[in-house]
Amino acid sequence: MAVPCTHAEFEGPVQRYESSDGFERGFCSVCGSNLFFHPVDSGIHGIPIGLFDDRTELPFKAEFFIDQKPENYSFSDATRKMTGEEFEHKFRNG
C-alpha cells in the first residue's frame, strides 16, 4: 500500500490512526515505527528526518509545539517556531 504525500511515498504495511481530533499518525504495522504526523485536510506530513537516507538537501524550516520542548533542547538553525496553540489553530482552522 502506498501513502502519498507531497515529498515522500510510503510503501508497505502503513497504517493510520486518529491521534487527536483533526490529526492522524502513520506507522508501520509490522514494527511499529513512527512514519508521519498529519493534520487532516492539510497538505503536510511531518516525517521524522531519520527516515531519509540522504538528509543533506532537506531544509530545516520549522519547529512545532515549541512551548512543550525541554528547556535545554534547542537547534542552532533559524526556524519558524510555533506553539502548540498556534499549530492547532493553523491546521484546524486553515
C-alpha atoms as a PDB file:
ATOM      1  CA  MET A   1       0.000   0.000   0.000  1.00  0.00           C
ATOM      2  CA  ALA A   2       1.332   3.450  -0.838  1.00  0.00           C
ATOM      3  CA  VAL A   3       0.512   6.518   1.239  1.00  0.00           C
ATOM      4  CA  PRO A   4       1.149   9.602  -0.903  1.00  0.00           C
ATOM      5  CA  CYS A   5       2.216  12.999   0.328  1.00  0.00           C
ATOM      6  CA  THR A   6       3.882  15.884  -1.450  1.00  0.00           C
ATOM      7  CA  HIS A   7       7.532  14.906  -0.971  1.00  0.00           C
ATOM      8  CA  ALA A   8       7.515  11.231   0.013  1.00  0.00           C
ATOM      9  CA  GLU A   9       5.715   7.992  -0.599  1.00  0.00           C
ATOM     10  CA  PHE A  10       5.471   5.217   1.941  1.00  0.00           C
ATOM     11  CA  GLU A  11       5.134   1.658   0.725  1.00  0.00           C
ATOM     12  CA  GLY A  12       4.456  -1.427   2.763  1.00  0.00           C
ATOM     13  CA  PRO A  13       2.287  -2.089   5.793  1.00  0.00           C
ATOM     14  CA  VAL A  14       1.449   1.551   6.559  1.00  0.00           C
ATOM     15  CA  GLN A  15      -1.405   2.172   8.958  1.00  0.00           C
ATOM     16  CA  ARG A  16      -3.017   5.436  10.043  1.00  0.00           C
ATOM     17  CA  TYR A  17      -4.888   6.279  13.206  1.00  0.00           C
ATOM     18  CA  GLU A  18      -6.576   9.395  14.526  1.00  0.00           C
ATOM     19  CA  SER A  19      -4.281  10.520  17.328  1.00  0.00           C
ATOM     20  CA  SER A  20      -6.462  13.503  18.259  1.00  0.00           C
ATOM     21  CA  ASP A  21      -9.316  15.414  16.718  1.00  0.00           C
ATOM     22  CA  GLY A  22      -8.214  16.515  13.241  1.00  0.00           C
ATOM     23  CA  PHE A  23      -4.783  14.874  13.400  1.00  0.00           C
ATOM     24  CA  GLU A  24      -3.538  11.442  12.455  1.00  0.00           C
ATOM     25  CA  ARG A  25      -0.331   9.464  12.693  1.00  0.00           C
ATOM     26  CA  GLY A  26       1.103   6.882  10.381  1.00  0.00           C
ATOM     27  CA  PHE A  27       3.133   3.892  11.470  1.00  0.00           C
ATOM     28  CA  CYS A  28       4.454   0.549  10.224  1.00  0.00           C
ATOM     29  CA  SER A  29       2.007  -2.151  11.300  1.00  0.00           C
ATOM     30  CA  VAL A  30       4.829  -4.724  11.454  1.00  0.00           C
ATOM     31  CA  CYS A  31       7.496  -2.997  13.565  1.00  0.00           C
ATOM     32  CA  GLY A  32       5.558  -0.016  14.945  1.00  0.00           C
ATOM     33  CA  SER A  33       7.964   2.639  13.623  1.00  0.00           C
ATOM     34  CA  ASN A  34       6.571   6.168  13.524  1.00  0.00           C
ATOM     35  CA  LEU A  35       6.297   7.313   9.905  1.00  0.00           C
ATOM     36  CA  PHE A  36       4.455  10.628   9.964  1.00  0.00           C
ATOM     37  CA  PHE A  37       2.199  13.101  11.727  1.00  0.00           C
ATOM     38  CA  HIS A  38      -0.548  14.580   9.555  1.00  0.00           C
ATOM     39  CA  PRO A  39      -3.060  17.350  10.204  1.00  0.00           C
ATOM     40  CA  VAL A  40      -6.101  16.005   8.323  1.00  0.00           C
ATOM     41  CA  ASP A  41      -7.179  18.082   5.318  1.00  0.00           C
ATOM     42  CA  SER A  42      -3.782  19.772   5.149  1.00  0.00           C
ATOM     43  CA  GLY A  43      -1.072  19.280   2.601  1.00  0.00           C
ATOM     44  CA  ILE A  44       1.609  18.492   5.153  1.00  0.00           C
ATOM     45  CA  HIS A  45       3.074  15.363   6.671  1.00  0.00           C
ATOM     46  CA  GLY A  46       5.575  15.689   9.498  1.00  0.00           C
ATOM     47  CA  ILE A  47       8.116  12.988   8.684  1.00  0.00           C
ATOM     48  CA  PRO A  48      10.966  12.062  11.052  1.00  0.00           C
ATOM     49  CA  ILE A  49      14.209  13.086   9.371  1.00  0.00           C
ATOM     50  CA  GLY A  50      15.812   9.796  10.365  1.00  0.00           C
ATOM     51  CA  LEU A  51      13.696   8.001   7.758  1.00  0.00           C
ATOM     52  CA  PHE A  52      15.653   9.627   4.931  1.00  0.00           C
ATOM     53  CA  ASP A  53      18.956   8.129   3.769  1.00  0.00           C
ATOM     54  CA  ASP A  54      20.297  11.428   2.386  1.00  0.00           C
ATOM     55  CA  ARG A  55      19.439  14.404   4.588  1.00  0.00           C
ATOM     56  CA  THR A  56      21.860  16.891   3.026  1.00  0.00           C
ATOM     57  CA  GLU A  57      19.237  18.573   0.828  1.00  0.00           C
ATOM     58  CA  LEU A  58      16.444  18.707   3.407  1.00  0.00           C
ATOM     59  CA  PRO A  59      15.916  22.189   4.820  1.00  0.00           C
ATOM     60  CA  PHE A  60      15.066  22.584   8.493  1.00  0.00           C
ATOM     61  CA  LYS A  61      12.384  25.254   8.379  1.00  0.00           C
ATOM     62  CA  ALA A  62      10.021  24.941  11.328  1.00  0.00           C
ATOM     63  CA  GLU A  63       9.618  23.723  14.886  1.00  0.00           C
ATOM     64  CA  PHE A  64       6.166  22.881  16.207  1.00  0.00           C
ATOM     65  CA  PHE A  65       4.945  22.709  19.813  1.00  0.00           C
ATOM     66  CA  ILE A  66       7.956  24.806  20.807  1.00  0.00           C
ATOM     67  CA  ASP A  67       6.277  25.611  24.118  1.00  0.00           C
ATOM     68  CA  GLN A  68       6.432  21.923  25.091  1.00  0.00           C
ATOM     69  CA  LYS A  69      10.137  21.360  24.474  1.00  0.00           C
ATOM     70  CA  PRO A  70      12.596  20.730  27.307  1.00  0.00           C
ATOM     71  CA  GLU A  71      14.465  23.858  28.484  1.00  0.00           C
ATOM     72  CA  ASN A  72      17.873  22.562  27.350  1.00  0.00           C
ATOM     73  CA  TYR A  73      16.641  21.484  23.910  1.00  0.00           C
ATOM     74  CA  SER A  74      17.419  23.881  21.072  1.00  0.00           C
ATOM     75  CA  PHE A  75      18.624  23.954  17.487  1.00  0.00           C
ATOM     76  CA  SER A  76      21.124  26.385  16.016  1.00  0.00           C
ATOM     77  CA  ASP A  77      19.193  26.845  12.754  1.00  0.00           C
ATOM     78  CA  ALA A  78      16.957  29.875  12.341  1.00  0.00           C
ATOM     79  CA  THR A  79      13.495  28.324  12.099  1.00  0.00           C
ATOM     80  CA  ARG A  80       9.873  29.354  12.282  1.00  0.00           C
ATOM     81  CA  LYS A  81       8.713  28.432  15.770  1.00  0.00           C
ATOM     82  CA  MET A  82       5.079  27.652  16.542  1.00  0.00           C
ATOM     83  CA  THR A  83       3.489  26.894  19.892  1.00  0.00           C
ATOM     84  CA  GLY A  84       1.023  24.026  20.160  1.00  0.00           C
ATOM     85  CA  GLU A  85      -1.842  26.519  20.155  1.00  0.00           C
ATOM     86  CA  GLU A  86      -0.517  28.256  17.009  1.00  0.00           C
ATOM     87  CA  PHE A  87      -0.021  24.918  15.260  1.00  0.00           C
ATOM     88  CA  GLU A  88      -3.509  23.666  16.087  1.00  0.00           C
ATOM     89  CA  HIS A  89      -5.100  26.984  15.102  1.00  0.00           C
ATOM     90  CA  LYS A  90      -3.327  26.978  11.757  1.00  0.00           C
ATOM     91  CA  PHE A  91      -4.076  23.378  10.857  1.00  0.00           C
ATOM     92  CA  ARG A  92      -7.510  23.008  12.421  1.00  0.00           C
ATOM     93  CA  ASN A  93      -8.845  26.296  11.095  1.00  0.00           C
ATOM     94  CA  GLY A  94      -6.854  26.727   7.889  1.00  0.00           C
END
